[in-house]
C-alpha atoms as a PDB file:
ATOM      1  CA  MET A   1       0.030   0.015   0.112  1.00  0.00           C
ATOM      2  CA  ILE A   2       1.022   3.448  -0.604  1.00  0.00           C
ATOM      3  CA  THR A   3       0.177   6.947   1.373  1.00  0.00           C
ATOM      4  CA  ILE A   4      -0.748   9.985   0.958  1.00  0.00           C
ATOM      5  CA  THR A   5      -0.876  13.013   2.655  1.00  0.00           C
ATOM      6  CA  ARG A   6      -2.831  16.575   2.555  1.00  0.00           C
ATOM      7  CA  LYS A   7      -1.930  19.860   4.255  1.00  0.00           C
ATOM      8  CA  LEU A   8      -4.751  22.239   5.138  1.00  0.00           C
ATOM      9  CA  GLU A   9      -5.239  24.870   7.930  1.00  0.00           C
ATOM     10  CA  PHE A  10      -7.741  26.733   9.401  1.00  0.00           C
ATOM     11  CA  ASP A  11      -8.174  29.154  12.157  1.00  0.00           C
ATOM     12  CA  ALA A  12     -10.348  28.479  15.995  1.00  0.00           C
ATOM     13  CA  GLY A  13      -9.783  29.408  19.273  1.00  0.00           C
ATOM     14  CA  HIS A  14     -10.275  27.168  22.336  1.00  0.00           C
ATOM     15  CA  ARG A  15      -8.853  27.594  26.430  1.00  0.00           C
ATOM     16  CA  ILE A  16      -8.125  25.123  28.315  1.00  0.00           C
ATOM     17  CA  PRO A  17     -10.102  26.002  31.955  1.00  0.00           C
ATOM     18  CA  ASP A  18      -7.763  24.231  34.609  1.00  0.00           C
ATOM     19  CA  HIS A  19      -4.680  24.569  32.811  1.00  0.00           C
ATOM     20  CA  LYS A  20      -1.987  26.548  35.064  1.00  0.00           C
ATOM     21  CA  SER A  21      -0.494  28.638  32.488  1.00  0.00           C
ATOM     22  CA  GLN A  22      -1.592  30.787  29.966  1.00  0.00           C
ATOM     23  CA  CYS A  23      -3.484  28.481  27.788  1.00  0.00           C
ATOM     24  CA  ARG A  24      -7.102  28.892  30.672  1.00  0.00           C
ATOM     25  CA  ASN A  25      -7.566  31.988  28.686  1.00  0.00           C
ATOM     26  CA  LEU A  26      -9.430  32.052  25.150  1.00  0.00           C
ATOM     27  CA  HIS A  27      -7.142  32.515  22.846  1.00  0.00           C
ATOM     28  CA  GLY A  28      -6.783  31.629  18.786  1.00  0.00           C
ATOM     29  CA  HIS A  29      -3.957  29.533  16.524  1.00  0.00           C
ATOM     30  CA  ARG A  30      -3.435  28.969  13.174  1.00  0.00           C
ATOM     31  CA  TYR A  31      -3.738  25.180  12.633  1.00  0.00           C
ATOM     32  CA  VAL A  32      -2.251  22.893  10.203  1.00  0.00           C
ATOM     33  CA  LEU A  33      -4.282  19.738   9.433  1.00  0.00           C
ATOM     34  CA  GLU A  34      -1.961  17.147   7.931  1.00  0.00           C
ATOM     35  CA  ILE A  35      -4.412  14.603   6.853  1.00  0.00           C
ATOM     36  CA  THR A  36      -2.045  10.984   5.880  1.00  0.00           C
ATOM     37  CA  LEU A  37      -4.778   8.055   3.362  1.00  0.00           C
ATOM     38  CA  VAL A  38      -3.374   5.021   3.228  1.00  0.00           C
ATOM     39  CA  GLY A  39      -4.793   2.582  -0.209  1.00  0.00           C
ATOM     40  CA  ASN A  40      -4.196   0.711  -3.184  1.00  0.00           C
ATOM     41  CA  VAL A  41      -3.629   2.219  -6.647  1.00  0.00           C
ATOM     42  CA  ILE A  42      -6.647   2.868  -8.602  1.00  0.00           C
ATOM     43  CA  GLU A  43      -5.616   0.951 -12.235  1.00  0.00           C
ATOM     44  CA  GLN A  44      -8.940   2.229 -14.061  1.00  0.00           C
ATOM     45  CA  GLU A  45      -7.636   3.556 -18.047  1.00  0.00           C
ATOM     46  CA  GLY A  46     -10.355   6.208 -18.650  1.00  0.00           C
ATOM     47  CA  SER A  47     -10.648   7.294 -14.842  1.00  0.00           C
ATOM     48  CA  SER A  48      -9.939  10.728 -13.839  1.00  0.00           C
ATOM     49  CA  ASP A  49      -8.440   9.361 -10.605  1.00  0.00           C
ATOM     50  CA  ASN A  50      -6.561   6.103 -12.847  1.00  0.00           C
ATOM     51  CA  GLY A  51      -3.126   5.778 -10.480  1.00  0.00           C
ATOM     52  CA  MET A  52      -3.825   7.419  -7.947  1.00  0.00           C
ATOM     53  CA  ILE A  53      -5.207   6.500  -4.042  1.00  0.00           C
ATOM     54  CA  MET A  54      -7.288   9.565  -4.407  1.00  0.00           C
ATOM     55  CA  ASP A  55      -7.325  12.633  -6.047  1.00  0.00           C
ATOM     56  CA  PHE A  56      -5.389  15.411  -3.714  1.00  0.00           C
ATOM     57  CA  SER A  57      -8.649  18.087  -4.089  1.00  0.00           C
ATOM     58  CA  ASP A  58     -11.424  15.427  -3.254  1.00  0.00           C
ATOM     59  CA  VAL A  59      -9.157  14.812   0.030  1.00  0.00           C
ATOM     60  CA  LYS A  60      -9.208  18.745   0.167  1.00  0.00           C
ATOM     61  CA  ALA A  61     -12.826  18.818  -0.783  1.00  0.00           C
ATOM     62  CA  ILE A  62     -13.831  15.838   1.933  1.00  0.00           C
ATOM     63  CA  ALA A  63     -11.797  17.340   4.625  1.00  0.00           C
ATOM     64  CA  HIS A  64     -13.433  20.672   4.183  1.00  0.00           C
ATOM     65  CA  GLN A  65     -16.991  19.590   3.711  1.00  0.00           C
ATOM     66  CA  HIS A  66     -16.693  17.522   6.948  1.00  0.00           C
ATOM     67  CA  LEU A  67     -14.237  18.995   9.339  1.00  0.00           C
ATOM     68  CA  VAL A  68     -12.308  22.394   8.422  1.00  0.00           C
ATOM     69  CA  ASP A  69     -15.088  24.317   7.077  1.00  0.00           C
ATOM     70  CA  VAL A  70     -17.170  23.695  10.165  1.00  0.00           C
ATOM     71  CA  TRP A  71     -14.226  24.419  12.589  1.00  0.00           C
ATOM     72  CA  ASP A  72     -12.690  27.351  11.097  1.00  0.00           C
ATOM     73  CA  HIS A  73     -12.791  30.304  12.932  1.00  0.00           C
ATOM     74  CA  ALA A  74     -15.000  29.108  15.664  1.00  0.00           C
ATOM     75  CA  PHE A  75     -14.279  28.716  19.140  1.00  0.00           C
ATOM     76  CA  LEU A  76     -13.652  25.099  19.768  1.00  0.00           C
ATOM     77  CA  VAL A  77     -15.612  24.882  23.637  1.00  0.00           C
ATOM     78  CA  TYR A  78     -15.608  22.175  26.076  1.00  0.00           C
ATOM     79  CA  ALA A  79     -18.889  20.939  26.778  1.00  0.00           C
ATOM     80  CA  LYS A  80     -18.482  20.807  30.147  1.00  0.00           C
ATOM     81  CA  ASP A  81     -16.511  24.978  30.183  1.00  0.00           C
ATOM     82  CA  THR A  82     -20.466  26.506  31.203  1.00  0.00           C
ATOM     83  CA  PRO A  83     -18.829  29.628  31.806  1.00  0.00           C
ATOM     84  CA  VAL A  84     -17.650  29.816  28.008  1.00  0.00           C
ATOM     85  CA  ARG A  85     -20.492  28.459  26.408  1.00  0.00           C
ATOM     86  CA  ASP A  86     -22.613  30.470  28.565  1.00  0.00           C
ATOM     87  CA  PHE A  87     -20.522  33.404  26.521  1.00  0.00           C
ATOM     88  CA  LEU A  88     -20.018  32.441  23.472  1.00  0.00           C
ATOM     89  CA  ASN A  89     -23.669  31.818  23.624  1.00  0.00           C
ATOM     90  CA  SER A  90     -24.377  35.197  24.124  1.00  0.00           C
ATOM     91  CA  LEU A  91     -23.018  36.497  21.081  1.00  0.00           C
ATOM     92  CA  PRO A  92     -25.220  36.755  18.472  1.00  0.00           C
ATOM     93  CA  ASN A  93     -24.119  34.253  15.540  1.00  0.00           C
ATOM     94  CA  HIS A  94     -21.346  33.319  17.061  1.00  0.00           C
ATOM     95  CA  LYS A  95     -19.684  30.558  15.444  1.00  0.00           C
ATOM     96  CA  THR A  96     -19.208  27.534  18.543  1.00  0.00           C
ATOM     97  CA  VAL A  97     -18.209  23.994  18.091  1.00  0.00           C
ATOM     98  CA  VAL A  98     -18.761  22.090  21.533  1.00  0.00           C
ATOM     99  CA  ILE A  99     -15.490  18.704  21.718  1.00  0.00           C
ATOM    100  CA  ASP A 100     -16.870  16.396  23.986  1.00  0.00           C
ATOM    101  CA  ARG A 101     -12.972  16.260  24.980  1.00  0.00           C
ATOM    102  CA  ILE A 102     -10.953  19.347  26.693  1.00  0.00           C
ATOM    103  CA  PRO A 103      -9.907  20.890  23.524  1.00  0.00           C
ATOM    104  CA  THR A 104      -6.280  20.107  24.364  1.00  0.00           C
ATOM    105  CA  VAL A 105      -3.905  19.355  21.106  1.00  0.00           C
ATOM    106  CA  GLU A 106      -4.842  15.954  21.825  1.00  0.00           C
ATOM    107  CA  ASN A 107      -8.062  15.984  21.891  1.00  0.00           C
ATOM    108  CA  LEU A 108      -8.853  17.906  18.634  1.00  0.00           C
ATOM    109  CA  ALA A 109      -6.366  15.678  16.992  1.00  0.00           C
ATOM    110  CA  ARG A 110      -8.289  12.168  18.264  1.00  0.00           C
ATOM    111  CA  THR A 111     -11.614  14.284  17.887  1.00  0.00           C
ATOM    112  CA  ALA A 112     -10.853  15.133  13.916  1.00  0.00           C
ATOM    113  CA  PHE A 113      -9.338  11.669  13.390  1.00  0.00           C
ATOM    114  CA  ASP A 114     -12.772  10.404  14.573  1.00  0.00           C
ATOM    115  CA  ILE A 115     -14.684  12.371  12.419  1.00  0.00           C
ATOM    116  CA  LEU A 116     -12.698  12.272   9.311  1.00  0.00           C
ATOM    117  CA  LYS A 117     -12.125   8.400   9.740  1.00  0.00           C
ATOM    118  CA  SER A 118     -15.612   7.688   8.783  1.00  0.00           C
ATOM    119  CA  ALA A 119     -15.879  10.602   5.765  1.00  0.00           C
ATOM    120  CA  PHE A 120     -12.953   8.771   3.982  1.00  0.00           C
ATOM    121  CA  ILE A 121     -13.429   5.087   4.726  1.00  0.00           C
ATOM    122  CA  ASP A 122     -13.298   2.540   1.461  1.00  0.00           C
ATOM    123  CA  ARG A 123     -14.600   5.197  -1.273  1.00  0.00           C
ATOM    124  CA  TYR A 124     -13.421   3.042  -3.829  1.00  0.00           C
ATOM    125  CA  GLY A 125     -13.400  -0.370  -2.938  1.00  0.00           C
ATOM    126  CA  THR A 126      -9.537  -0.027  -2.591  1.00  0.00           C
ATOM    127  CA  GLY A 127      -8.454  -0.224   0.830  1.00  0.00           C
ATOM    128  CA  LEU A 128      -8.804   2.952   1.226  1.00  0.00           C
ATOM    129  CA  ARG A 129      -8.860   4.082   4.697  1.00  0.00           C
ATOM    130  CA  LEU A 130      -7.104   7.195   7.250  1.00  0.00           C
ATOM    131  CA  GLN A 131      -4.192   6.588   7.759  1.00  0.00           C
ATOM    132  CA  LYS A 132      -2.719   8.805  10.039  1.00  0.00           C
ATOM    133  CA  LEU A 133      -3.423  12.398  11.327  1.00  0.00           C
ATOM    134  CA  VAL A 134      -1.629  15.136  12.218  1.00  0.00           C
ATOM    135  CA  LEU A 135      -2.490  18.591  13.891  1.00  0.00           C
ATOM    136  CA  HIS A 136      -0.395  21.225  14.802  1.00  0.00           C
ATOM    137  CA  GLU A 137      -0.844  23.503  17.042  1.00  0.00           C
ATOM    138  CA  THR A 138       1.960  26.315  16.309  1.00  0.00           C
ATOM    139  CA  PRO A 139       4.676  25.393  14.445  1.00  0.00           C
ATOM    140  CA  ASN A 140       6.703  23.675  17.721  1.00  0.00           C
ATOM    141  CA  CYS A 141       4.276  22.002  18.887  1.00  0.00           C
ATOM    142  CA  TRP A 142       1.890  18.856  17.111  1.00  0.00           C
ATOM    143  CA  ALA A 143      -0.519  15.528  18.069  1.00  0.00           C
ATOM    144  CA  GLU A 144      -0.040  12.686  16.133  1.00  0.00           C
ATOM    145  CA  ILE A 145      -2.121  10.363  15.574  1.00  0.00           C
ATOM    146  CA  THR A 146      -1.782   6.565  13.649  1.00  0.00           C
ATOM    147  CA  GLU A 147      -4.233   3.857  13.421  1.00  0.00           C
ATOM    148  CA  THR A 148      -3.334   0.943  14.289  1.00  0.00           C
ATOM    149  CA  GLU A 149      -5.381  -2.236  12.507  1.00  0.00           C
END
């Protein structure tokens, strides 16, 4: 099997409610998302995707539909962070995404992986699947999740 990776970027805010330092405050990041897919190469003469695992533009479109457009310029808030949820709800038309986990980069990566895993699973009958997801919170800090078979 061969892997392909597509990199995408989005901006989002969050806070870590119980953090001992500055991350307990409302703040934002320019997230960089790397999506690695594994699968067999499509071998179908005349097909636009012939010779590919998946067209990179299709990877981008699916990732945008299921995750990037949902999270971009949103505030990612922990479901149990009631004071911040109440504050965000008081802002008219505010883009808020409620996360069931504290929105650390590790938990956001796991949530993103869970969302995208089902979006990419075996779309062509070639064994296509999400193998790895990397989420950079800053240029120097990131979390990686690799699917184990």
